[in-house]
């Protein structure tokens, strides 16, 4: 290599050096169509709606797919119904024979169990029989994480990895990022947490739902956008799905679910208007609809 003024001249020897370097790595880095990775594509090509859990409303079944090995970021203002929607989604997943680990780091476990039971029983005052129905039907399928303390991201992810391996967990809810020992301005930590979440989802073959709070604005009723998600832009960038939930005070409907990003076979983005059912705390697709019964009919008699 010769320096000619401000230009660099590449000689034949340099080319040979690059060729030798490439020869050392090329066979392992360049794959042909016979490589196992390429051959596995045969298994991956499938009808676009055949894998993953849908949203809990039949009318929206083609909008979103929560697929194994992926990460969804959920955001929305305080009291917008994020946790209630995730409980509703978890019940929908249980109804489809999935196994759910619900890590509510903001509520004690007994409160989490209570809210699940009320949502399934469609009442704030379930009977002992309904409680028994719930606990029996969720045995070995719904798991609640027992901690409300700040926790290191790596420790929580290790516990999730263990749960997936031991109990066959297929969906994990982490509520919320704020309860992880991670500073808002720790951008390297955010990037690493995003990398770890994606790797954990792939290793465990489960779908991870992460709740992230938005930035506070001067007008709490102003519409959100993707850039309002507080201190988690690296995590948002790495997520497969990003969705927000807001309350709408001046509209005929109660809540607005917005899907801002979705990778994969189903790449729909858009908005869904929802209505709040007070006694069950389920969100309904139509104002006139009844909440979904997730227990046998005799449990509601």
Protein backbone atom coordinates (compact mmCIF):
# COMPACT_ATOMS: atom_id res chain seq x y z
CA UNK A 1 0.00 0.00 0.00
CA UNK A 2 1.50 3.37 -1.08
CA UNK A 3 0.52 6.88 0.02
CA UNK A 4 0.26 9.27 -2.96
CA UNK A 5 -0.52 12.73 -1.63
CA UNK A 6 -3.94 12.43 0.03
CA UNK A 7 -4.80 9.27 -1.95
CA UNK A 8 -4.13 5.62 -1.11
CA UNK A 9 -2.89 3.30 -3.84
CA UNK A 10 -3.77 -0.38 -3.43
CA UNK A 11 -1.13 -2.75 -4.75
CA UNK A 12 -1.40 -6.36 -5.88
CA UNK A 13 0.02 -7.49 -2.53
CA UNK A 14 -2.84 -5.79 -0.71
CA UNK A 15 -5.33 -7.68 -2.86
CA UNK A 16 -3.60 -10.94 -2.05
CA UNK A 17 -3.71 -10.11 1.66
CA UNK A 18 -7.45 -9.45 1.48
CA UNK A 19 -7.93 -12.64 -0.51
CA UNK A 20 -6.10 -14.65 2.12
CA UNK A 21 -8.20 -13.10 4.89
CA UNK A 22 -11.37 -13.84 2.98
CA UNK A 23 -10.23 -17.40 2.31
CA UNK A 24 -9.91 -17.99 6.07
CA UNK A 25 -13.44 -16.80 6.83
CA UNK A 26 -15.34 -17.24 3.59
CA UNK A 27 -16.40 -20.85 3.92
CA UNK A 28 -18.01 -20.20 7.28
CA UNK A 29 -19.63 -16.87 6.36
CA UNK A 30 -20.94 -17.51 2.84
CA UNK A 31 -23.71 -20.05 2.52
CA UNK A 32 -25.15 -21.87 -0.49
CA UNK A 33 -28.73 -23.02 -0.97
CA UNK A 34 -27.77 -26.42 0.47
CA UNK A 35 -26.84 -24.87 3.82
CA UNK A 36 -29.12 -26.05 6.68
CA UNK A 37 -30.19 -22.45 7.34
CA UNK A 38 -31.52 -22.14 3.80
CA UNK A 39 -33.03 -25.61 3.88
CA UNK A 40 -34.92 -24.74 7.07
CA UNK A 41 -36.82 -22.09 5.12
CA UNK A 42 -38.97 -24.93 3.82
CA UNK A 43 -40.34 -25.31 7.35
CA UNK A 44 -40.71 -21.57 7.86
CA UNK A 45 -42.83 -20.87 4.79
CA UNK A 46 -46.43 -21.35 5.89
CA UNK A 47 -49.85 -19.79 5.43
CA UNK A 48 -49.47 -16.27 6.83
CA UNK A 49 -52.03 -16.62 9.63
CA UNK A 50 -51.16 -20.09 10.84
CA UNK A 51 -48.83 -19.29 13.76
CA UNK A 52 -49.11 -17.07 16.80
CA UNK A 53 -51.93 -15.85 19.02
CA UNK A 54 -54.35 -13.17 17.86
CA UNK A 55 -55.87 -10.21 19.68
CA UNK A 56 -58.80 -11.29 21.90
CA UNK A 57 -61.53 -10.07 19.50
CA UNK A 58 -62.62 -12.26 16.56
CA UNK A 59 -63.14 -9.16 14.41
CA UNK A 60 -59.44 -8.32 14.78
CA UNK A 61 -58.09 -11.83 14.24
CA UNK A 62 -56.17 -10.85 11.09
CA UNK A 63 -54.63 -7.68 12.52
CA UNK A 64 -51.90 -8.90 14.89
CA UNK A 65 -50.07 -12.15 15.54
CA UNK A 66 -48.03 -12.67 18.71
CA UNK A 67 -45.59 -15.27 17.42
CA UNK A 68 -43.08 -17.43 19.31
CA UNK A 69 -39.62 -15.93 19.68
CA UNK A 70 -40.78 -12.32 19.31
CA UNK A 71 -41.12 -9.22 21.52
CA UNK A 72 -43.99 -6.74 21.82
CA UNK A 73 -43.65 -3.35 23.51
CA UNK A 74 -46.87 -1.94 25.01
CA UNK A 75 -47.19 1.67 26.11
CA UNK A 76 -49.83 4.16 27.19
CA UNK A 77 -50.57 6.74 29.89
CA UNK A 78 -51.30 5.74 33.48
CA UNK A 79 -54.85 4.34 33.88
CA UNK A 80 -55.20 3.79 30.14
CA UNK A 81 -55.93 0.09 30.71
CA UNK A 82 -52.63 -1.49 29.59
CA UNK A 83 -52.47 -4.06 32.39
CA UNK A 84 -56.18 -4.86 32.08
CA UNK A 85 -55.76 -5.45 28.34
CA UNK A 86 -52.76 -7.69 28.95
CA UNK A 87 -54.78 -9.73 31.47
CA UNK A 88 -57.54 -10.02 28.89
CA UNK A 89 -54.99 -11.09 26.27
CA UNK A 90 -53.48 -13.61 28.71
CA UNK A 91 -56.91 -15.20 29.26
CA UNK A 92 -57.33 -15.39 25.50
CA UNK A 93 -53.94 -17.10 25.27
CA UNK A 94 -54.88 -19.57 28.00
CA UNK A 95 -58.07 -20.38 26.08
CA UNK A 96 -55.81 -21.35 23.16
CA UNK A 97 -53.79 -23.74 25.34
CA UNK A 98 -50.84 -21.39 25.80
CA UNK A 99 -48.93 -21.09 29.08
CA UNK A 100 -48.50 -17.62 30.54
CA UNK A 101 -46.07 -16.13 33.07
CA UNK A 102 -47.39 -12.76 34.30
CA UNK A 103 -44.66 -10.66 35.92
CA UNK A 104 -46.56 -7.79 37.50
CA UNK A 105 -43.72 -5.93 39.19
CA UNK A 106 -46.04 -3.10 40.28
CA UNK A 107 -48.76 -5.15 42.06
CA UNK A 108 -48.52 -7.82 44.78
CA UNK A 109 -49.24 -11.34 43.49
CA UNK A 110 -52.54 -11.66 45.37
CA UNK A 111 -53.83 -8.55 43.59
CA UNK A 112 -52.77 -9.98 40.24
CA UNK A 113 -54.61 -13.25 40.94
CA UNK A 114 -57.69 -11.32 42.10
CA UNK A 115 -57.84 -9.23 38.93
CA UNK A 116 -57.46 -12.30 36.72
CA UNK A 117 -60.34 -14.00 38.55
CA UNK A 118 -62.59 -10.91 38.29
CA UNK A 119 -61.86 -10.57 34.58
CA UNK A 120 -62.70 -14.22 33.91
CA UNK A 121 -65.76 -14.27 36.22
CA UNK A 122 -67.06 -10.98 34.69
CA UNK A 123 -67.71 -9.50 38.10
CA UNK A 124 -65.94 -7.61 40.86
CA UNK A 125 -67.52 -9.99 43.38
CA UNK A 126 -66.87 -13.56 42.22
CA UNK A 127 -68.38 -16.48 44.11
CA UNK A 128 -66.22 -19.11 45.83
CA UNK A 129 -67.29 -21.54 43.10
CA UNK A 130 -66.07 -19.18 40.37
CA UNK A 131 -62.76 -18.71 42.16
CA UNK A 132 -62.38 -22.49 42.34
CA UNK A 133 -63.22 -22.81 38.63
CA UNK A 134 -60.53 -20.28 37.79
CA UNK A 135 -57.77 -21.77 39.89
CA UNK A 136 -58.52 -25.30 38.70
CA UNK A 137 -58.65 -24.38 35.01
CA UNK A 138 -55.43 -22.37 35.22
CA UNK A 139 -53.45 -25.02 37.07
CA UNK A 140 -50.00 -25.45 35.47
CA UNK A 141 -50.93 -22.93 32.75
CA UNK A 142 -51.05 -19.49 34.42
CA UNK A 143 -48.07 -18.47 36.56
CA UNK A 144 -47.62 -15.23 38.53
CA UNK A 145 -44.22 -13.82 39.43
CA UNK A 146 -43.94 -13.19 43.18
CA UNK A 147 -42.05 -9.90 43.54
CA UNK A 148 -42.72 -6.17 43.58
CA UNK A 149 -39.10 -5.16 44.16
CA UNK A 150 -36.81 -3.48 41.65
CA UNK A 151 -34.99 -6.26 39.85
CA UNK A 152 -31.93 -6.49 37.64
CA UNK A 153 -32.90 -7.19 34.02
CA UNK A 154 -30.47 -10.12 33.72
CA UNK A 155 -31.88 -11.78 36.88
CA UNK A 156 -35.48 -11.47 35.70
CA UNK A 157 -34.57 -12.83 32.29
CA UNK A 158 -32.78 -15.75 33.88
CA UNK A 159 -35.92 -16.58 35.88
CA UNK A 160 -38.02 -16.31 32.70
CA UNK A 161 -35.61 -18.60 30.85
CA UNK A 162 -35.89 -21.13 33.68
CA UNK A 163 -39.71 -20.91 33.69
CA UNK A 164 -39.87 -21.44 29.94
CA UNK A 165 -37.59 -24.45 30.17
CA UNK A 166 -39.24 -25.96 33.26
CA UNK A 167 -42.93 -25.18 32.75
CA UNK A 168 -43.17 -24.70 28.99
CA UNK A 169 -44.12 -21.02 29.21
CA UNK A 170 -45.11 -19.61 25.80
CA UNK A 171 -46.07 -16.01 26.70
CA UNK A 172 -44.44 -13.69 29.24
CA UNK A 173 -45.75 -10.31 30.43
CA UNK A 174 -43.27 -7.92 32.09
CA UNK A 175 -45.15 -5.03 33.71
CA UNK A 176 -43.19 -2.83 33.58
CA UNK A 177 -39.77 -1.61 32.35
CA UNK A 178 -39.90 1.06 35.08
CA UNK A 179 -39.48 -1.66 37.72
CA UNK A 180 -36.27 -2.97 36.18
CA UNK A 181 -33.04 -1.60 37.64
CA UNK A 182 -32.31 0.43 34.52
CA UNK A 183 -31.88 4.21 34.30
CA UNK A 184 -33.89 6.16 31.73
CA UNK A 185 -30.70 7.79 30.43
CA UNK A 186 -28.72 4.53 30.34
CA UNK A 187 -28.83 4.11 26.58
CA UNK A 188 -26.21 1.37 26.53
CA UNK A 189 -28.23 -0.47 29.17
CA UNK A 190 -31.39 -0.06 27.10
CA UNK A 191 -29.68 -1.40 24.01
CA UNK A 192 -28.32 -4.37 25.93
CA UNK A 193 -31.72 -5.03 27.53
CA UNK A 194 -33.34 -4.95 24.10
CA UNK A 195 -30.75 -7.41 22.79
CA UNK A 196 -31.27 -9.67 25.80
CA UNK A 197 -35.08 -9.60 25.43
CA UNK A 198 -34.86 -10.60 21.79
CA UNK A 199 -32.35 -13.34 22.50
CA UNK A 200 -34.40 -14.59 25.46
CA UNK A 201 -37.55 -14.77 23.31
CA UNK A 202 -35.71 -16.76 20.65
CA UNK A 203 -33.95 -19.10 23.09
CA UNK A 204 -37.17 -19.75 25.02
CA UNK A 205 -39.39 -19.82 21.92
CA UNK A 206 -41.89 -17.65 23.77
CA UNK A 207 -43.47 -14.27 23.10
CA UNK A 208 -42.46 -11.49 25.51
CA UNK A 209 -44.81 -8.57 26.22
CA UNK A 210 -43.02 -5.60 27.81
CA UNK A 211 -44.90 -2.60 29.26
CA UNK A 212 -43.10 0.74 28.89
CA UNK A 213 -44.52 4.01 30.26
CA UNK A 214 -44.68 7.07 27.99
CA UNK A 215 -43.12 10.44 28.67
CA UNK A 216 -45.30 12.86 30.60
CA UNK A 217 -46.62 15.69 28.46
CA UNK A 218 -48.18 19.02 29.34
CA UNK A 219 -51.50 17.69 28.04
CA UNK A 220 -52.28 14.20 29.30
CA UNK A 221 -55.12 13.93 26.78
CA UNK A 222 -52.95 14.62 23.75
CA UNK A 223 -52.62 11.73 21.29
CA UNK A 224 -49.54 9.55 21.63
CA UNK A 225 -47.13 8.65 18.91
CA UNK A 226 -44.22 6.25 18.69
CA UNK A 227 -41.75 8.81 20.03
CA UNK A 228 -43.64 9.37 23.29
CA UNK A 229 -42.38 6.09 24.75
CA UNK A 230 -40.08 7.21 27.52
CA UNK A 231 -36.41 6.28 27.70
CA UNK A 232 -36.71 3.10 25.67
CA UNK A 233 -36.07 4.01 22.05
CA UNK A 234 -33.44 1.29 21.63
CA UNK A 235 -35.85 -1.31 22.99
CA UNK A 236 -38.65 0.02 20.76
CA UNK A 237 -36.34 -0.11 17.75
CA UNK A 238 -35.57 -3.78 18.40
CA UNK A 239 -39.15 -4.85 19.20
CA UNK A 240 -41.17 -6.85 16.67
CA UNK A 241 -44.48 -5.20 17.59
CA UNK A 242 -45.09 -1.79 19.17
CA UNK A 243 -48.59 -0.90 20.40
CA UNK A 244 -50.09 1.87 22.52
CA UNK A 245 -53.36 2.09 24.43
CA UNK A 246 -55.02 5.40 25.32
CA UNK A 247 -58.25 6.51 26.93
CA UNK A 248 -60.38 8.75 24.74
CA UNK A 249 -62.40 11.15 26.87
CA UNK A 250 -64.13 13.09 24.08
CA UNK A 251 -65.01 10.23 21.76
CA UNK A 252 -67.97 7.82 21.61
CA UNK A 253 -65.58 4.96 22.34
CA UNK A 254 -63.50 4.54 25.52
CA UNK A 255 -60.03 3.39 24.42
CA UNK A 256 -57.87 3.52 21.33
CA UNK A 257 -55.44 0.70 20.55
CA UNK A 258 -52.76 1.73 18.04
CA UNK A 259 -50.33 -0.70 16.41
CA UNK A 260 -47.36 1.35 15.20
CA UNK A 261 -45.02 -1.40 14.10
CA UNK A 262 -45.32 -5.08 13.27
CA UNK A 263 -42.73 -7.32 11.68
CA UNK A 264 -43.44 -10.67 10.10
CA UNK A 265 -46.14 -12.29 7.99
CA UNK A 266 -48.79 -9.97 9.39
CA UNK A 267 -47.48 -6.43 9.06
CA UNK A 268 -50.75 -4.58 9.65
CA UNK A 269 -50.53 -1.21 11.38
CA UNK A 270 -53.55 0.81 12.36
CA UNK A 271 -56.00 1.68 15.12
CA UNK A 272 -58.85 -0.14 16.84
CA UNK A 273 -61.58 1.63 18.83
CA UNK A 274 -62.58 -0.21 22.01
CA UNK A 275 -65.28 -0.01 24.68
CA UNK A 276 -64.67 -0.60 28.38
CA UNK A 277 -66.79 -3.15 30.29
CA UNK A 278 -66.70 -2.02 33.91
CA UNK A 279 -67.44 -5.16 35.93
CA UNK A 280 -65.04 -7.44 34.03
CA UNK A 281 -62.59 -4.70 32.99
CA UNK A 282 -62.44 -6.27 29.57
CA UNK A 283 -62.17 -4.09 26.49
CA UNK A 284 -64.83 -4.85 23.86
CA UNK A 285 -64.65 -4.48 20.11
CA UNK A 286 -68.24 -3.21 19.87
CA UNK A 287 -70.22 -1.16 22.38
CA UNK A 288 -73.15 -3.62 22.29
CA UNK A 289 -71.08 -6.77 22.75
CA UNK A 290 -70.88 -8.82 25.92
CA UNK A 291 -67.52 -9.67 27.55
CA UNK A 292 -65.92 -13.01 26.75
CA UNK A 293 -66.62 -15.93 29.07
CA UNK A 294 -63.35 -17.74 29.74
CA UNK A 295 -64.88 -20.27 32.14
CA UNK A 296 -67.38 -23.07 31.42
CA UNK A 297 -70.97 -21.87 31.14
CA UNK A 298 -71.96 -23.52 34.43
CA UNK A 299 -69.48 -21.27 36.25
CA UNK A 300 -71.71 -18.29 35.47
CA UNK A 301 -74.98 -19.91 36.59
